[in-house]
Amino acid sequence: MLNIIGWILFGALAGWLASIIMKTNEQQGAVANIVIGILGAIIGGFIFSMLGGDNVDDFSLYSLIVAVIGSVILIALLKAFRGPKASS
């Protein structure tokens, strides 16, 4: 149970930091930050392992950086698929 709570908190932090970097913080809520952070950790871990990086399977600063990078990539992909904003 504590592992699940840890992943949620870790995902929330990574997603929140990525949303600040990508300037989508006002558009996302807490749940979106958590989901993007967890998915970003998976994406970042996959990319870093393909590049020969260290195994990312713990809660550390390195893991947070990898998760934030993966989350930034995920947000960039989502922004690209959404296209330009419609004018009001």
N, C-alpha and C. Protein backbone atom coordinates (compact mmCIF):
# COMPACT_ATOMS: atom_id res chain seq x y z
N MET A 1 0.82 -1.21 0.00
CA MET A 1 0.00 0.00 0.00
C MET A 1 0.86 1.26 0.00
N LEU A 2 1.92 1.25 0.79
CA LEU A 2 2.80 2.43 0.82
C LEU A 2 3.50 2.64 -0.51
N ASN A 3 3.77 1.56 -1.24
CA ASN A 3 4.40 1.68 -2.55
C ASN A 3 3.48 2.41 -3.53
N ILE A 4 2.19 2.11 -3.48
CA ILE A 4 1.22 2.78 -4.35
C ILE A 4 1.13 4.25 -4.00
N ILE A 5 1.07 4.56 -2.72
CA ILE A 5 1.03 5.96 -2.29
C ILE A 5 2.30 6.68 -2.71
N GLY A 6 3.43 6.01 -2.61
CA GLY A 6 4.70 6.60 -3.05
C GLY A 6 4.70 6.92 -4.53
N TRP A 7 4.18 5.98 -5.34
CA TRP A 7 4.11 6.24 -6.79
C TRP A 7 3.18 7.40 -7.10
N ILE A 8 2.08 7.51 -6.37
CA ILE A 8 1.14 8.61 -6.60
C ILE A 8 1.81 9.94 -6.26
N LEU A 9 2.48 10.01 -5.11
CA LEU A 9 3.15 11.25 -4.72
C LEU A 9 4.30 11.58 -5.67
N PHE A 10 5.06 10.56 -6.04
CA PHE A 10 6.18 10.75 -6.98
C PHE A 10 5.66 11.22 -8.33
N GLY A 11 4.57 10.60 -8.81
CA GLY A 11 3.97 11.00 -10.08
C GLY A 11 3.42 12.42 -10.02
N ALA A 12 2.81 12.77 -8.89
CA ALA A 12 2.28 14.13 -8.74
C ALA A 12 3.40 15.16 -8.81
N LEU A 13 4.51 14.89 -8.14
CA LEU A 13 5.64 15.82 -8.15
C LEU A 13 6.25 15.93 -9.54
N ALA A 14 6.49 14.79 -10.19
CA ALA A 14 7.08 14.81 -11.53
C ALA A 14 6.15 15.49 -12.54
N GLY A 15 4.86 15.17 -12.47
CA GLY A 15 3.89 15.78 -13.38
C GLY A 15 3.76 17.27 -13.16
N TRP A 16 3.78 17.68 -11.89
CA TRP A 16 3.67 19.10 -11.57
C TRP A 16 4.88 19.87 -12.08
N LEU A 17 6.09 19.33 -11.85
CA LEU A 17 7.30 19.99 -12.34
C LEU A 17 7.31 20.08 -13.86
N ALA A 18 6.89 19.00 -14.53
CA ALA A 18 6.83 19.01 -15.99
C ALA A 18 5.81 20.02 -16.50
N SER A 19 4.67 20.13 -15.80
CA SER A 19 3.65 21.09 -16.24
C SER A 19 4.13 22.52 -16.07
N ILE A 20 4.96 22.78 -15.07
CA ILE A 20 5.55 24.11 -14.91
C ILE A 20 6.53 24.38 -16.05
N ILE A 21 7.37 23.39 -16.36
CA ILE A 21 8.34 23.54 -17.45
C ILE A 21 7.64 23.78 -18.78
N MET A 22 6.57 23.05 -19.03
CA MET A 22 5.84 23.14 -20.31
C MET A 22 4.75 24.21 -20.31
N LYS A 23 4.62 24.93 -19.21
CA LYS A 23 3.64 26.02 -19.07
C LYS A 23 2.20 25.55 -19.28
N THR A 24 1.88 24.36 -18.73
CA THR A 24 0.52 23.85 -18.78
C THR A 24 -0.06 23.70 -17.37
N ASN A 25 0.59 24.34 -16.41
CA ASN A 25 0.20 24.17 -15.01
C ASN A 25 -1.23 24.62 -14.74
N GLU A 26 -1.66 25.72 -15.34
CA GLU A 26 -3.01 26.22 -15.11
C GLU A 26 -4.06 25.36 -15.81
N GLN A 27 -3.68 24.60 -16.81
CA GLN A 27 -4.62 23.78 -17.57
C GLN A 27 -4.82 22.40 -16.97
N GLN A 28 -3.92 21.97 -16.11
CA GLN A 28 -3.95 20.63 -15.55
C GLN A 28 -4.37 20.68 -14.09
N GLY A 29 -5.04 19.65 -13.68
CA GLY A 29 -5.37 19.50 -12.27
C GLY A 29 -4.44 18.50 -11.62
N ALA A 30 -4.72 18.19 -10.37
CA ALA A 30 -3.87 17.27 -9.62
C ALA A 30 -3.90 15.87 -10.22
N VAL A 31 -5.07 15.41 -10.63
CA VAL A 31 -5.17 14.06 -11.19
C VAL A 31 -4.37 13.96 -12.48
N ALA A 32 -4.45 14.98 -13.33
CA ALA A 32 -3.69 14.98 -14.58
C ALA A 32 -2.19 14.98 -14.29
N ASN A 33 -1.76 15.75 -13.28
CA ASN A 33 -0.34 15.75 -12.90
C ASN A 33 0.11 14.37 -12.47
N ILE A 34 -0.71 13.68 -11.69
CA ILE A 34 -0.35 12.35 -11.22
C ILE A 34 -0.24 11.38 -12.38
N VAL A 35 -1.24 11.38 -13.26
CA VAL A 35 -1.24 10.46 -14.40
C VAL A 35 -0.06 10.76 -15.33
N ILE A 36 0.15 12.02 -15.64
CA ILE A 36 1.25 12.39 -16.53
C ILE A 36 2.59 12.06 -15.87
N GLY A 37 2.70 12.27 -14.57
CA GLY A 37 3.95 11.95 -13.88
C GLY A 37 4.26 10.47 -13.88
N ILE A 38 3.26 9.63 -13.63
CA ILE A 38 3.48 8.19 -13.62
C ILE A 38 3.79 7.69 -15.03
N LEU A 39 3.00 8.13 -16.01
CA LEU A 39 3.28 7.72 -17.40
C LEU A 39 4.63 8.27 -17.87
N GLY A 40 4.95 9.49 -17.44
CA GLY A 40 6.24 10.08 -17.78
C GLY A 40 7.40 9.31 -17.19
N ALA A 41 7.22 8.78 -15.98
CA ALA A 41 8.27 7.95 -15.37
C ALA A 41 8.49 6.69 -16.19
N ILE A 42 7.41 6.10 -16.68
CA ILE A 42 7.53 4.90 -17.51
C ILE A 42 8.23 5.23 -18.82
N ILE A 43 7.80 6.32 -19.46
CA ILE A 43 8.40 6.74 -20.73
C ILE A 43 9.87 7.09 -20.54
N GLY A 44 10.16 7.90 -19.52
CA GLY A 44 11.54 8.30 -19.26
C GLY A 44 12.43 7.11 -18.93
N GLY A 45 11.92 6.19 -18.12
CA GLY A 45 12.69 4.99 -17.78
C GLY A 45 13.00 4.15 -19.00
N PHE A 46 12.02 4.02 -19.89
CA PHE A 46 12.22 3.26 -21.13
C PHE A 46 13.27 3.93 -22.00
N ILE A 47 13.16 5.24 -22.18
CA ILE A 47 14.11 5.97 -23.03
C ILE A 47 15.52 5.89 -22.45
N PHE A 48 15.65 6.12 -21.13
CA PHE A 48 16.97 6.10 -20.53
C PHE A 48 17.58 4.70 -20.56
N SER A 49 16.76 3.67 -20.41
CA SER A 49 17.30 2.31 -20.49
C SER A 49 17.75 1.98 -21.91
N MET A 50 17.03 2.49 -22.91
CA MET A 50 17.43 2.27 -24.30
C MET A 50 18.74 3.00 -24.63
N LEU A 51 18.99 4.10 -23.94
CA LEU A 51 20.22 4.87 -24.15
C LEU A 51 21.37 4.35 -23.30
N GLY A 52 21.12 3.28 -22.53
CA GLY A 52 22.17 2.69 -21.71
C GLY A 52 22.31 3.32 -20.34
N GLY A 53 21.29 4.04 -19.89
CA GLY A 53 21.33 4.67 -18.58
C GLY A 53 21.16 3.67 -17.46
N ASP A 54 21.36 4.15 -16.26
CA ASP A 54 21.20 3.31 -15.07
C ASP A 54 19.75 2.86 -14.93
N ASN A 55 19.57 1.74 -14.26
CA ASN A 55 18.24 1.22 -13.98
C ASN A 55 17.51 2.18 -13.04
N VAL A 56 16.31 2.54 -13.38
CA VAL A 56 15.53 3.49 -12.59
C VAL A 56 14.39 2.72 -11.93
N ASP A 57 14.60 2.28 -10.71
CA ASP A 57 13.56 1.52 -10.03
C ASP A 57 13.41 1.90 -8.56
N ASP A 58 13.90 3.07 -8.21
CA ASP A 58 13.77 3.52 -6.83
C ASP A 58 13.35 4.98 -6.81
N PHE A 59 13.12 5.49 -5.63
CA PHE A 59 12.75 6.89 -5.47
C PHE A 59 14.00 7.67 -5.11
N SER A 60 14.57 8.34 -6.12
CA SER A 60 15.78 9.12 -5.92
C SER A 60 15.72 10.37 -6.79
N LEU A 61 16.70 11.24 -6.64
CA LEU A 61 16.76 12.44 -7.46
C LEU A 61 16.92 12.07 -8.94
N TYR A 62 17.73 11.07 -9.22
CA TYR A 62 17.91 10.61 -10.60
C TYR A 62 16.59 10.13 -11.18
N SER A 63 15.85 9.36 -10.40
CA SER A 63 14.55 8.87 -10.85
C SER A 63 13.59 10.02 -11.10
N LEU A 64 13.62 11.03 -10.24
CA LEU A 64 12.75 12.19 -10.42
C LEU A 64 13.10 12.93 -11.71
N ILE A 65 14.38 13.10 -11.97
CA ILE A 65 14.80 13.78 -13.20
C ILE A 65 14.35 13.00 -14.43
N VAL A 66 14.52 11.69 -14.40
CA VAL A 66 14.08 10.84 -15.51
C VAL A 66 12.56 10.95 -15.69
N ALA A 67 11.82 10.93 -14.58
CA ALA A 67 10.36 11.03 -14.65
C ALA A 67 9.92 12.38 -15.19
N VAL A 68 10.59 13.45 -14.79
CA VAL A 68 10.24 14.79 -15.28
C VAL A 68 10.53 14.89 -16.78
N ILE A 69 11.67 14.36 -17.22
CA ILE A 69 12.00 14.38 -18.65
C ILE A 69 10.95 13.59 -19.44
N GLY A 70 10.59 12.42 -18.95
CA GLY A 70 9.55 11.63 -19.61
C GLY A 70 8.22 12.34 -19.63
N SER A 71 7.90 13.04 -18.54
CA SER A 71 6.64 13.79 -18.47
C SER A 71 6.64 14.97 -19.42
N VAL A 72 7.76 15.64 -19.55
CA VAL A 72 7.87 16.75 -20.50
C VAL A 72 7.67 16.22 -21.93
N ILE A 73 8.26 15.08 -22.23
CA ILE A 73 8.07 14.47 -23.56
C ILE A 73 6.60 14.14 -23.78
N LEU A 74 5.95 13.57 -22.76
CA LEU A 74 4.54 13.22 -22.88
C LEU A 74 3.67 14.46 -23.10
N ILE A 75 3.91 15.52 -22.34
CA ILE A 75 3.14 16.76 -22.51
C ILE A 75 3.37 17.34 -23.90
N ALA A 76 4.61 17.31 -24.38
CA ALA A 76 4.91 17.83 -25.73
C ALA A 76 4.16 17.03 -26.78
N LEU A 77 4.12 15.70 -26.62
CA LEU A 77 3.37 14.88 -27.57
C LEU A 77 1.88 15.19 -27.51
N LEU A 78 1.35 15.35 -26.31
CA LEU A 78 -0.08 15.69 -26.18
C LEU A 78 -0.39 17.04 -26.80
N LYS A 79 0.49 18.02 -26.61
CA LYS A 79 0.29 19.33 -27.21
C LYS A 79 0.36 19.25 -28.74
N ALA A 80 1.24 18.41 -29.27
CA ALA A 80 1.38 18.27 -30.72
C ALA A 80 0.13 17.62 -31.31
N PHE A 81 -0.45 16.64 -30.62
CA PHE A 81 -1.65 15.98 -31.13
C PHE A 81 -2.89 16.85 -31.00
N ARG A 82 -2.93 17.70 -30.00
CA ARG A 82 -4.07 18.61 -29.84
C ARG A 82 -4.09 19.70 -30.89
N GLY A 83 -2.92 20.08 -31.37
CA GLY A 83 -2.83 21.12 -32.38
C GLY A 83 -2.95 22.50 -31.74
N PRO A 84 -3.00 23.54 -32.57
CA PRO A 84 -3.11 24.90 -32.04
C PRO A 84 -4.46 25.10 -31.35
N LYS A 85 -4.42 25.98 -30.35
CA LYS A 85 -5.66 26.29 -29.64
C LYS A 85 -6.63 27.04 -30.55
N ALA A 86 -7.89 26.72 -30.37
CA ALA A 86 -8.91 27.44 -31.13
C ALA A 86 -9.07 28.83 -30.55
N SER A 87 -9.23 29.83 -31.41
CA SER A 87 -9.39 31.18 -30.91
C SER A 87 -10.79 31.37 -30.36
N SER A 88 -10.88 32.17 -29.29
CA SER A 88 -12.17 32.38 -28.62
C SER A 88 -12.98 33.45 -29.29
